[in-house]
C-alpha atoms as a PDB file:
ATOM      1  CA  MET A   1     -13.524   1.463  20.984  1.00  0.00           C
ATOM      2  CA  GLU A   2     -15.472  -1.729  20.340  1.00  0.00           C
ATOM      3  CA  SER A   3     -14.010  -4.937  18.936  1.00  0.00           C
ATOM      4  CA  LYS A   4     -15.831  -7.096  16.393  1.00  0.00           C
ATOM      5  CA  LYS A   5     -15.794 -10.771  17.287  1.00  0.00           C
ATOM      6  CA  GLY A   6     -12.938 -12.501  15.492  1.00  0.00           C
ATOM      7  CA  PHE A   7     -11.399  -9.216  14.274  1.00  0.00           C
ATOM      8  CA  LYS A   8      -7.645  -9.041  14.858  1.00  0.00           C
ATOM      9  CA  SER A   9      -5.528  -5.935  15.250  1.00  0.00           C
ATOM     10  CA  GLY A  10      -2.150  -4.848  16.550  1.00  0.00           C
ATOM     11  CA  PHE A  11       1.067  -2.927  16.070  1.00  0.00           C
ATOM     12  CA  VAL A  12       4.113  -4.298  14.257  1.00  0.00           C
ATOM     13  CA  ALA A  13       7.575  -2.686  14.215  1.00  0.00           C
ATOM     14  CA  ILE A  14       9.904  -2.859  11.219  1.00  0.00           C
ATOM     15  CA  VAL A  15      13.545  -2.703  12.372  1.00  0.00           C
ATOM     16  CA  GLY A  16      16.865  -3.177  10.636  1.00  0.00           C
ATOM     17  CA  ARG A  17      20.064  -1.525   9.524  1.00  0.00           C
ATOM     18  CA  PRO A  18      19.848   1.574   7.310  1.00  0.00           C
ATOM     19  CA  ASN A  19      19.050   0.962   3.655  1.00  0.00           C
ATOM     20  CA  VAL A  20      17.782  -2.642   3.912  1.00  0.00           C
ATOM     21  CA  GLY A  21      14.368  -1.769   2.428  1.00  0.00           C
ATOM     22  CA  LYS A  22      12.140  -0.974   5.421  1.00  0.00           C
ATOM     23  CA  SER A  23      10.378   1.951   3.757  1.00  0.00           C
ATOM     24  CA  THR A  24      10.035   0.037   0.486  1.00  0.00           C
ATOM     25  CA  LEU A  25       8.325  -2.805   2.351  1.00  0.00           C
ATOM     26  CA  MET A  26       6.006  -0.415   4.181  1.00  0.00           C
ATOM     27  CA  ASN A  27       4.926   1.215   0.919  1.00  0.00           C
ATOM     28  CA  GLN A  28       4.475  -2.192  -0.741  1.00  0.00           C
ATOM     29  CA  ILE A  29       2.175  -3.374   2.063  1.00  0.00           C
ATOM     30  CA  ILE A  30       0.135  -0.171   2.245  1.00  0.00           C
ATOM     31  CA  GLY A  31      -0.087   0.181  -1.543  1.00  0.00           C
ATOM     32  CA  GLN A  32       0.839   3.873  -1.551  1.00  0.00           C
ATOM     33  CA  LYS A  33       3.947   5.901  -0.816  1.00  0.00           C
ATOM     34  CA  ILE A  34       3.899   7.161   2.771  1.00  0.00           C
ATOM     35  CA  ALA A  35       7.542   6.478   3.695  1.00  0.00           C
ATOM     36  CA  ILE A  36      10.258   8.043   1.573  1.00  0.00           C
ATOM     37  CA  MET A  37      12.946   6.057  -0.190  1.00  0.00           C
ATOM     38  CA  SER A  38      16.461   6.730  -1.431  1.00  0.00           C
ATOM     39  CA  ASP A  39      19.778   4.926  -1.672  1.00  0.00           C
ATOM     40  CA  LYS A  40      21.151   7.102   1.168  1.00  0.00           C
ATOM     41  CA  PRO A  41      21.414   5.517   4.632  1.00  0.00           C
ATOM     42  CA  GLN A  42      19.303   6.970   7.459  1.00  0.00           C
ATOM     43  CA  THR A  43      16.570   8.204   5.130  1.00  0.00           C
ATOM     44  CA  THR A  44      13.831   7.544   7.721  1.00  0.00           C
ATOM     45  CA  ARG A  45      14.204   9.721  10.841  1.00  0.00           C
ATOM     46  CA  ASN A  46      10.891   9.321  12.672  1.00  0.00           C
ATOM     47  CA  LYS A  47       8.583   6.394  13.256  1.00  0.00           C
ATOM     48  CA  ILE A  48       6.324   6.271  10.219  1.00  0.00           C
ATOM     49  CA  HIS A  49       2.926   4.749  11.002  1.00  0.00           C
ATOM     50  CA  GLY A  50       1.343   2.867   8.101  1.00  0.00           C
ATOM     51  CA  VAL A  51      -2.140   1.370   8.473  1.00  0.00           C
ATOM     52  CA  TYR A  52      -3.125  -1.827   6.656  1.00  0.00           C
ATOM     53  CA  THR A  53      -6.749  -2.933   6.812  1.00  0.00           C
ATOM     54  CA  GLY A  54      -7.585  -6.297   5.263  1.00  0.00           C
ATOM     55  CA  GLU A  55     -10.102  -9.091   5.640  1.00  0.00           C
ATOM     56  CA  GLY A  56     -10.702  -9.485   9.364  1.00  0.00           C
ATOM     57  CA  LYS A  57      -7.617  -7.604  10.510  1.00  0.00           C
ATOM     58  CA  GLN A  58      -5.909  -4.232  10.862  1.00  0.00           C
ATOM     59  CA  ILE A  59      -2.142  -3.907  11.303  1.00  0.00           C
ATOM     60  CA  VAL A  60      -0.448  -0.638  12.203  1.00  0.00           C
ATOM     61  CA  PHE A  61       3.154  -0.762  10.992  1.00  0.00           C
ATOM     62  CA  LEU A  62       5.882   1.348  12.569  1.00  0.00           C
ATOM     63  CA  ASP A  63       8.704   1.923  10.071  1.00  0.00           C
ATOM     64  CA  THR A  64      11.610   2.890  12.316  1.00  0.00           C
ATOM     65  CA  PRO A  65      14.866   4.703  11.527  1.00  0.00           C
ATOM     66  CA  GLY A  66      17.749   2.418  10.600  1.00  0.00           C
ATOM     67  CA  ILE A  67      19.800   1.488  13.669  1.00  0.00           C
ATOM     68  CA  HIS A  68      23.351   2.682  13.089  1.00  0.00           C
ATOM     69  CA  LYS A  69      26.513   4.035  14.698  1.00  0.00           C
ATOM     70  CA  ARG A  70      25.514   7.483  15.885  1.00  0.00           C
ATOM     71  CA  GLN A  71      27.362  10.590  14.673  1.00  0.00           C
ATOM     72  CA  SER A  72      25.164  13.362  16.076  1.00  0.00           C
ATOM     73  CA  LYS A  73      22.335  14.091  18.506  1.00  0.00           C
ATOM     74  CA  LEU A  74      19.984  13.419  15.603  1.00  0.00           C
ATOM     75  CA  GLY A  75      21.628   9.988  15.322  1.00  0.00           C
ATOM     76  CA  ASP A  76      20.934   9.380  19.031  1.00  0.00           C
ATOM     77  CA  PHE A  77      17.295  10.324  18.500  1.00  0.00           C
ATOM     78  CA  MET A  78      16.984   7.942  15.545  1.00  0.00           C
ATOM     79  CA  ASN A  79      18.500   4.967  17.390  1.00  0.00           C
ATOM     80  CA  ASN A  80      16.414   5.578  20.523  1.00  0.00           C
ATOM     81  CA  THR A  81      13.259   5.865  18.424  1.00  0.00           C
ATOM     82  CA  ALA A  82      13.907   2.526  16.741  1.00  0.00           C
ATOM     83  CA  LEU A  83      14.820   0.618  19.911  1.00  0.00           C
ATOM     84  CA  ASN A  84      12.038   2.074  22.083  1.00  0.00           C
ATOM     85  CA  THR A  85       9.461   1.001  19.499  1.00  0.00           C
ATOM     86  CA  LEU A  86      10.193  -2.666  20.222  1.00  0.00           C
ATOM     87  CA  GLY A  87       8.457  -2.425  23.599  1.00  0.00           C
ATOM     88  CA  GLU A  88       5.215  -1.068  22.119  1.00  0.00           C
ATOM     89  CA  VAL A  89       4.228  -3.759  19.616  1.00  0.00           C
ATOM     90  CA  GLU A  90       2.602  -7.186  19.207  1.00  0.00           C
ATOM     91  CA  ALA A  91       5.341  -8.358  16.810  1.00  0.00           C
ATOM     92  CA  ALA A  92       8.571  -7.108  15.266  1.00  0.00           C
ATOM     93  CA  MET A  93       9.928  -7.648  11.776  1.00  0.00           C
ATOM     94  CA  PHE A  94      13.727  -7.710  11.612  1.00  0.00           C
ATOM     95  CA  LEU A  95      14.513  -6.837   8.004  1.00  0.00           C
ATOM     96  CA  VAL A  96      17.892  -7.844   6.596  1.00  0.00           C
ATOM     97  CA  ASP A  97      19.487  -7.533   3.165  1.00  0.00           C
ATOM     98  CA  ALA A  98      19.945 -11.113   1.957  1.00  0.00           C
ATOM     99  CA  SER A  99      22.291  -9.949  -0.804  1.00  0.00           C
ATOM    100  CA  GLU A 100      24.834  -8.582   1.692  1.00  0.00           C
ATOM    101  CA  GLY A 101      25.044 -11.385   4.262  1.00  0.00           C
ATOM    102  CA  ILE A 102      25.173 -10.775   7.996  1.00  0.00           C
ATOM    103  CA  GLY A 103      27.148  -7.808   9.318  1.00  0.00           C
ATOM    104  CA  GLY A 104      28.080  -6.144  12.587  1.00  0.00           C
ATOM    105  CA  GLY A 105      25.002  -3.920  12.453  1.00  0.00           C
ATOM    106  CA  ASP A 106      22.729  -6.965  12.171  1.00  0.00           C
ATOM    107  CA  ARG A 107      24.446  -8.626  15.146  1.00  0.00           C
ATOM    108  CA  TYR A 108      23.996  -5.471  17.232  1.00  0.00           C
ATOM    109  CA  ILE A 109      20.254  -5.397  16.489  1.00  0.00           C
ATOM    110  CA  ILE A 110      19.947  -9.088  17.393  1.00  0.00           C
ATOM    111  CA  GLU A 111      21.517  -8.245  20.780  1.00  0.00           C
ATOM    112  CA  GLN A 112      18.801  -5.609  21.312  1.00  0.00           C
ATOM    113  CA  LEU A 113      16.090  -8.068  20.252  1.00  0.00           C
ATOM    114  CA  GLY A 114      17.298 -10.390  23.000  1.00  0.00           C
ATOM    115  CA  LYS A 115      15.952  -7.882  25.554  1.00  0.00           C
ATOM    116  CA  ILE A 116      12.314  -8.177  24.450  1.00  0.00           C
ATOM    117  CA  LYS A 117       9.657 -10.892  24.632  1.00  0.00           C
ATOM    118  CA  THR A 118       7.866  -9.809  21.455  1.00  0.00           C
ATOM    119  CA  PRO A 119       7.696 -12.420  18.642  1.00  0.00           C
ATOM    120  CA  VAL A 120      10.288 -11.491  16.012  1.00  0.00           C
ATOM    121  CA  PHE A 121      10.021 -12.333  12.311  1.00  0.00           C
ATOM    122  CA  LEU A 122      13.251 -12.556  10.328  1.00  0.00           C
ATOM    123  CA  ILE A 123      12.481 -10.995   6.945  1.00  0.00           C
ATOM    124  CA  MET A 124      15.119 -11.804   4.323  1.00  0.00           C
ATOM    125  CA  ASN A 125      14.714  -8.965   1.815  1.00  0.00           C
ATOM    126  CA  LYS A 126      16.148  -8.524  -1.698  1.00  0.00           C
ATOM    127  CA  ILE A 127      15.962 -12.218  -2.600  1.00  0.00           C
ATOM    128  CA  ASP A 128      15.670 -11.071  -6.222  1.00  0.00           C
ATOM    129  CA  LEU A 129      19.396 -10.218  -6.041  1.00  0.00           C
ATOM    130  CA  ILE A 130      20.733 -13.629  -4.946  1.00  0.00           C
ATOM    131  CA  GLU A 131      20.787 -17.235  -6.120  1.00  0.00           C
ATOM    132  CA  PRO A 132      18.239 -19.421  -4.265  1.00  0.00           C
ATOM    133  CA  GLU A 133      20.901 -21.885  -3.024  1.00  0.00           C
ATOM    134  CA  ALA A 134      22.669 -19.031  -1.169  1.00  0.00           C
ATOM    135  CA  LEU A 135      19.620 -18.338   0.991  1.00  0.00           C
ATOM    136  CA  LEU A 136      19.439 -21.441   3.213  1.00  0.00           C
ATOM    137  CA  PRO A 137      22.992 -21.162   4.634  1.00  0.00           C
ATOM    138  CA  LEU A 138      22.339 -17.496   5.465  1.00  0.00           C
ATOM    139  CA  ILE A 139      19.060 -18.361   7.222  1.00  0.00           C
ATOM    140  CA  GLU A 140      20.896 -20.994   9.293  1.00  0.00           C
ATOM    141  CA  THR A 141      23.486 -18.404  10.335  1.00  0.00           C
ATOM    142  CA  TYR A 142      20.736 -16.130  11.648  1.00  0.00           C
ATOM    143  CA  ARG A 143      18.858 -18.977  13.348  1.00  0.00           C
ATOM    144  CA  LYS A 144      21.964 -19.813  15.396  1.00  0.00           C
ATOM    145  CA  LEU A 145      21.944 -16.273  16.799  1.00  0.00           C
ATOM    146  CA  TYR A 146      18.247 -15.881  17.673  1.00  0.00           C
ATOM    147  CA  GLU A 147      15.080 -17.942  17.974  1.00  0.00           C
ATOM    148  CA  PHE A 148      12.881 -16.241  15.372  1.00  0.00           C
ATOM    149  CA  ALA A 149       9.125 -16.865  15.404  1.00  0.00           C
ATOM    150  CA  GLU A 150       9.087 -17.039  11.593  1.00  0.00           C
ATOM    151  CA  VAL A 151      11.614 -16.695   8.768  1.00  0.00           C
ATOM    152  CA  ILE A 152      10.205 -15.290   5.518  1.00  0.00           C
ATOM    153  CA  PRO A 153      12.231 -14.457   2.381  1.00  0.00           C
ATOM    154  CA  ILE A 154      10.743 -11.596   0.333  1.00  0.00           C
ATOM    155  CA  SER A 155      11.421  -8.982  -2.293  1.00  0.00           C
ATOM    156  CA  ALA A 156       9.915  -5.734  -0.989  1.00  0.00           C
ATOM    157  CA  LYS A 157      10.631  -4.042  -4.314  1.00  0.00           C
ATOM    158  CA  PHE A 158       8.660  -6.529  -6.420  1.00  0.00           C
ATOM    159  CA  GLY A 159       6.226  -7.780  -3.766  1.00  0.00           C
ATOM    160  CA  ASN A 160       7.426 -11.395  -3.851  1.00  0.00           C
ATOM    161  CA  ASN A 161       6.073 -13.370  -0.857  1.00  0.00           C
ATOM    162  CA  VAL A 162       4.635 -10.252   0.824  1.00  0.00           C
ATOM    163  CA  ASN A 163       1.158 -11.855   0.884  1.00  0.00           C
ATOM    164  CA  THR A 164       2.630 -14.813   2.793  1.00  0.00           C
ATOM    165  CA  LEU A 165       4.204 -12.390   5.259  1.00  0.00           C
ATOM    166  CA  MET A 166       0.843 -10.701   5.876  1.00  0.00           C
ATOM    167  CA  GLU A 167      -0.896 -14.048   6.413  1.00  0.00           C
ATOM    168  CA  GLN A 168       1.697 -15.124   8.958  1.00  0.00           C
ATOM    169  CA  LEU A 169       1.561 -11.793  10.807  1.00  0.00           C
ATOM    170  CA  GLY A 170      -2.205 -12.159  11.156  1.00  0.00           C
ATOM    171  CA  LYS A 171      -1.717 -15.388  13.128  1.00  0.00           C
ATOM    172  CA  TYR A 172       0.241 -13.524  15.819  1.00  0.00           C
ATOM    173  CA  LEU A 173      -2.263 -10.687  16.337  1.00  0.00           C
ATOM    174  CA  PRO A 174      -4.743 -10.742  19.231  1.00  0.00           C
ATOM    175  CA  GLU A 175      -8.426  -9.993  18.805  1.00  0.00           C
ATOM    176  CA  GLY A 176      -8.863  -6.263  19.062  1.00  0.00           C
ATOM    177  CA  PRO A 177     -10.547  -3.101  17.775  1.00  0.00           C
ATOM    178  CA  GLN A 178     -10.247  -1.453  14.384  1.00  0.00           C
ATOM    179  CA  TYR A 179      -8.148   1.541  15.409  1.00  0.00           C
ATOM    180  CA  TYR A 180      -8.513   3.502  12.163  1.00  0.00           C
ATOM    181  CA  PRO A 181     -11.110   3.823   9.369  1.00  0.00           C
ATOM    182  CA  ALA A 182     -10.607   1.235   6.616  1.00  0.00           C
ATOM    183  CA  ASP A 183      -9.523   3.859   4.071  1.00  0.00           C
ATOM    184  CA  GLN A 184      -6.896   5.510   6.321  1.00  0.00           C
ATOM    185  CA  ILE A 185      -3.300   4.554   5.458  1.00  0.00           C
ATOM    186  CA  THR A 186      -1.293   6.621   7.964  1.00  0.00           C
ATOM    187  CA  ASP A 187      -1.856   8.481  11.223  1.00  0.00           C
ATOM    188  CA  HIS A 188       0.654  11.193  10.343  1.00  0.00           C
ATOM    189  CA  PRO A 189      -0.792  14.534   9.246  1.00  0.00           C
ATOM    190  CA  GLU A 190      -0.593  15.323   5.533  1.00  0.00           C
ATOM    191  CA  GLN A 191       1.961  18.056   6.242  1.00  0.00           C
ATOM    192  CA  PHE A 192       4.405  15.503   7.661  1.00  0.00           C
ATOM    193  CA  VAL A 193       4.138  13.238   4.614  1.00  0.00           C
ATOM    194  CA  ILE A 194       4.435  16.205   2.226  1.00  0.00           C
ATOM    195  CA  ALA A 195       7.599  17.425   3.976  1.00  0.00           C
ATOM    196  CA  GLU A 196       9.055  13.924   3.696  1.00  0.00           C
ATOM    197  CA  LEU A 197       8.255  13.725  -0.027  1.00  0.00           C
ATOM    198  CA  ILE A 198      10.111  16.992  -0.612  1.00  0.00           C
ATOM    199  CA  ARG A 199      13.084  15.728   1.420  1.00  0.00           C
ATOM    200  CA  GLU A 200      13.111  12.504  -0.616  1.00  0.00           C
ATOM    201  CA  LYS A 201      13.673  14.425  -3.864  1.00  0.00           C
ATOM    202  CA  ILE A 202      16.632  16.284  -2.383  1.00  0.00           C
ATOM    203  CA  LEU A 203      18.108  12.998  -1.123  1.00  0.00           C
ATOM    204  CA  GLN A 204      17.813  11.544  -4.603  1.00  0.00           C
ATOM    205  CA  MET A 205      19.460  14.520  -6.299  1.00  0.00           C
ATOM    206  CA  THR A 206      22.340  15.418  -3.944  1.00  0.00           C
ATOM    207  CA  ARG A 207      25.484  13.704  -2.680  1.00  0.00           C
ATOM    208  CA  GLU A 208      28.075  13.645   0.126  1.00  0.00           C
ATOM    209  CA  GLU A 209      27.139  15.640   3.230  1.00  0.00           C
ATOM    210  CA  VAL A 210      24.093  17.420   1.832  1.00  0.00           C
ATOM    211  CA  PRO A 211      21.447  14.657   2.240  1.00  0.00           C
ATOM    212  CA  HIS A 212      22.087  14.241   5.980  1.00  0.00           C
ATOM    213  CA  SER A 213      21.997  18.020   6.529  1.00  0.00           C
ATOM    214  CA  ILE A 214      18.483  18.478   5.146  1.00  0.00           C
ATOM    215  CA  ALA A 215      15.280  19.047   7.116  1.00  0.00           C
ATOM    216  CA  VAL A 216      11.951  20.202   5.684  1.00  0.00           C
ATOM    217  CA  THR A 217       8.998  21.880   7.393  1.00  0.00           C
ATOM    218  CA  ILE A 218       5.629  22.959   5.974  1.00  0.00           C
ATOM    219  CA  GLU A 219       5.042  26.580   6.953  1.00  0.00           C
ATOM    220  CA  ASP A 220       1.705  27.103   5.204  1.00  0.00           C
ATOM    221  CA  MET A 221      -0.914  24.892   3.563  1.00  0.00           C
ATOM    222  CA  LYS A 222      -4.378  25.988   2.465  1.00  0.00           C
ATOM    223  CA  VAL A 223      -6.981  25.474  -0.235  1.00  0.00           C
ATOM    224  CA  GLN A 224      -7.221  28.550  -2.455  1.00  0.00           C
ATOM    225  CA  ASP A 225     -10.418  29.942  -3.999  1.00  0.00           C
ATOM    226  CA  ASN A 226      -9.639  28.215  -7.303  1.00  0.00           C
ATOM    227  CA  GLY A 227      -9.471  24.810  -5.559  1.00  0.00           C
ATOM    228  CA  ILE A 228      -5.697  24.493  -5.885  1.00  0.00           C
ATOM    229  CA  VAL A 229      -3.884  23.607  -2.639  1.00  0.00           C
ATOM    230  CA  TYR A 230      -1.107  26.052  -1.749  1.00  0.00           C
ATOM    231  CA  VAL A 231       1.884  24.489   0.020  1.00  0.00           C
ATOM    232  CA  GLY A 232       4.731  26.644   1.350  1.00  0.00           C
ATOM    233  CA  ALA A 233       7.770  24.668   2.553  1.00  0.00           C
ATOM    234  CA  VAL A 234      11.136  25.586   4.036  1.00  0.00           C
ATOM    235  CA  ILE A 235      14.211  23.448   3.400  1.00  0.00           C
ATOM    236  CA  PHE A 236      16.813  23.789   6.161  1.00  0.00           C
ATOM    237  CA  VAL A 237      20.519  23.135   5.624  1.00  0.00           C
ATOM    238  CA  GLU A 238      23.504  23.511   7.958  1.00  0.00           C
ATOM    239  CA  ARG A 239      25.863  25.637   5.847  1.00  0.00           C
ATOM    240  CA  ASP A 240      25.744  28.397   3.231  1.00  0.00           C
ATOM    241  CA  SER A 241      27.564  26.169   0.727  1.00  0.00           C
ATOM    242  CA  GLN A 242      24.790  23.569   1.059  1.00  0.00           C
ATOM    243  CA  LYS A 243      22.178  26.257   0.427  1.00  0.00           C
ATOM    244  CA  GLY A 244      23.870  27.022  -2.883  1.00  0.00           C
ATOM    245  CA  ILE A 245      23.866  23.339  -3.853  1.00  0.00           C
ATOM    246  CA  VAL A 246      20.172  22.870  -3.079  1.00  0.00           C
ATOM    247  CA  ILE A 247      19.173  26.021  -4.977  1.00  0.00           C
ATOM    248  CA  GLY A 248      21.489  25.185  -7.880  1.00  0.00           C
ATOM    249  CA  LYS A 249      22.681  27.354 -10.768  1.00  0.00           C
ATOM    250  CA  GLN A 250      20.005  29.958 -11.511  1.00  0.00           C
ATOM    251  CA  GLY A 251      17.645  27.999  -9.226  1.00  0.00           C
ATOM    252  CA  ALA A 252      17.681  24.899 -11.444  1.00  0.00           C
ATOM    253  CA  MET A 253      18.083  22.329  -8.643  1.00  0.00           C
ATOM    254  CA  LEU A 254      15.308  23.790  -6.488  1.00  0.00           C
ATOM    255  CA  LYS A 255      13.006  24.007  -9.510  1.00  0.00           C
ATOM    256  CA  GLU A 256      13.574  20.309 -10.301  1.00  0.00           C
ATOM    257  CA  VAL A 257      13.002  19.328  -6.647  1.00  0.00           C
ATOM    258  CA  GLY A 258       9.694  21.197  -6.751  1.00  0.00           C
ATOM    259  CA  LYS A 259       8.677  19.602 -10.041  1.00  0.00           C
ATOM    260  CA  ARG A 260       9.342  16.039  -8.813  1.00  0.00           C
ATOM    261  CA  ALA A 261       7.791  16.606  -5.386  1.00  0.00           C
ATOM    262  CA  ARG A 262       4.676  18.201  -6.865  1.00  0.00           C
ATOM    263  CA  GLN A 263       3.787  15.005  -8.726  1.00  0.00           C
ATOM    264  CA  ASP A 264       3.920  12.857  -5.570  1.00  0.00           C
ATOM    265  CA  ILE A 265       2.089  15.435  -3.464  1.00  0.00           C
ATOM    266  CA  GLU A 266      -0.718  15.695  -6.023  1.00  0.00           C
ATOM    267  CA  ASN A 267      -1.013  11.886  -5.978  1.00  0.00           C
ATOM    268  CA  LEU A 268      -1.206  11.978  -2.177  1.00  0.00           C
ATOM    269  CA  LEU A 269      -3.821  14.749  -1.969  1.00  0.00           C
ATOM    270  CA  GLY A 270      -5.757  13.896  -5.118  1.00  0.00           C
ATOM    271  CA  SER A 271      -5.789  17.552  -6.186  1.00  0.00           C
ATOM    272  CA  LYS A 272      -3.666  20.145  -7.981  1.00  0.00           C
ATOM    273  CA  ILE A 273      -1.150  22.011  -5.837  1.00  0.00           C
ATOM    274  CA  PHE A 274       0.959  25.157  -5.991  1.00  0.00           C
ATOM    275  CA  LEU A 275       4.264  24.414  -4.262  1.00  0.00           C
ATOM    276  CA  GLU A 276       6.569  27.186  -3.067  1.00  0.00           C
ATOM    277  CA  LEU A 277      10.010  26.317  -1.645  1.00  0.00           C
ATOM    278  CA  TRP A 278      12.525  28.359   0.349  1.00  0.00           C
ATOM    279  CA  VAL A 279      16.014  27.332   1.519  1.00  0.00           C
ATOM    280  CA  LYS A 280      17.333  28.575   4.881  1.00  0.00           C
ATOM    281  CA  VAL A 281      20.506  27.920   6.878  1.00  0.00           C
ATOM    282  CA  LYS A 282      20.375  26.647  10.496  1.00  0.00           C
ATOM    283  CA  LYS A 283      23.982  26.159  11.554  1.00  0.00           C
ATOM    284  CA  ASP A 284      24.760  22.619  12.816  1.00  0.00           C
ATOM    285  CA  TRP A 285      21.050  21.948  13.494  1.00  0.00           C
ATOM    286  CA  ARG A 286      21.543  18.178  13.946  1.00  0.00           C
ATOM    287  CA  ASN A 287      23.398  18.773  17.240  1.00  0.00           C
ATOM    288  CA  GLN A 288      21.153  21.484  18.730  1.00  0.00           C
ATOM    289  CA  ASP A 289      18.421  20.186  21.038  1.00  0.00           C
ATOM    290  CA  ARG A 290      16.199  23.243  20.640  1.00  0.00           C
ATOM    291  CA  VAL A 291      16.359  23.172  16.853  1.00  0.00           C
ATOM    292  CA  LEU A 292      15.720  19.402  16.813  1.00  0.00           C
ATOM    293  CA  ARG A 293      12.607  19.968  18.939  1.00  0.00           C
ATOM    294  CA  ASP A 294      11.421  22.768  16.651  1.00  0.00           C
ATOM    295  CA  LEU A 295      11.815  20.461  13.644  1.00  0.00           C
ATOM    296  CA  GLY A 296       9.797  17.698  15.296  1.00  0.00           C
ATOM    297  CA  PHE A 297      12.549  15.382  16.559  1.00  0.00           C
ATOM    298  CA  HIS A 298      11.371  14.775  20.124  1.00  0.00           C
ATOM    299  CA  ARG A 299      13.227  12.327  22.345  1.00  0.00           C
ATOM    300  CA  ASP A 300       9.937  10.785  23.496  1.00  0.00           C
ATOM    301  CA  ALA A 301       8.621  10.431  19.932  1.00  0.00           C
END
């Protein structure tokens, strides 16, 4: 893989507590939804690779699961995925919620950051939710705990200061090759992104234990003779009661999930799709190593 003279490239990890806006920032940078979003913690479970190609540079972003107190083997996988990523990158972005102040979860992540030599950016997200005079004292609190390479306040939701962030990141990248074609925005297969889009709709429409008990796999995907893409997906839950919730009265919930997901999937593929959904029960799948492997949660991922 050849490098153009002066062209910069590298990998950048996005780390932070659950629900601080990591996926929102990734989508804002890439300009298209590739990481799912909801108001539920632990929405992201795998490393999501987003590819940004701009003038003279290419940055591959790794949106990691939120680092949190584990409650299952799936939780272990998510934490290990996030922390292991820090050793693979040219820079790390530590995303915090400026509207909430510093918490125990943030302090724990800072402890982990102390074990690496990678330049770390402190990204103060959600500045649209606070008064400007509240920001400086919070930045000083963080600076006392860690020597950050850069501190950049942003609003991932509205894109405020994201261009500045990208300019600063470019200064820390080495000269290197263009890893991906300029029009490629993720290295995950389409099936992975489609499964995540379906899971996002369920997260948005359900409550309590159901969101964390959901996994989605694509069992079949093919272009039919009429040009419409057929997608067959299975939604796994842990208990029969959860299956009833996801299907809903007379199938209403599942129908609405399919309707909402279809719109995003058609935007992703640029073509009409026929989406078929099934709901199956896998008892306590989040604590079964074999089932986790079958669903794509590998410890070395």
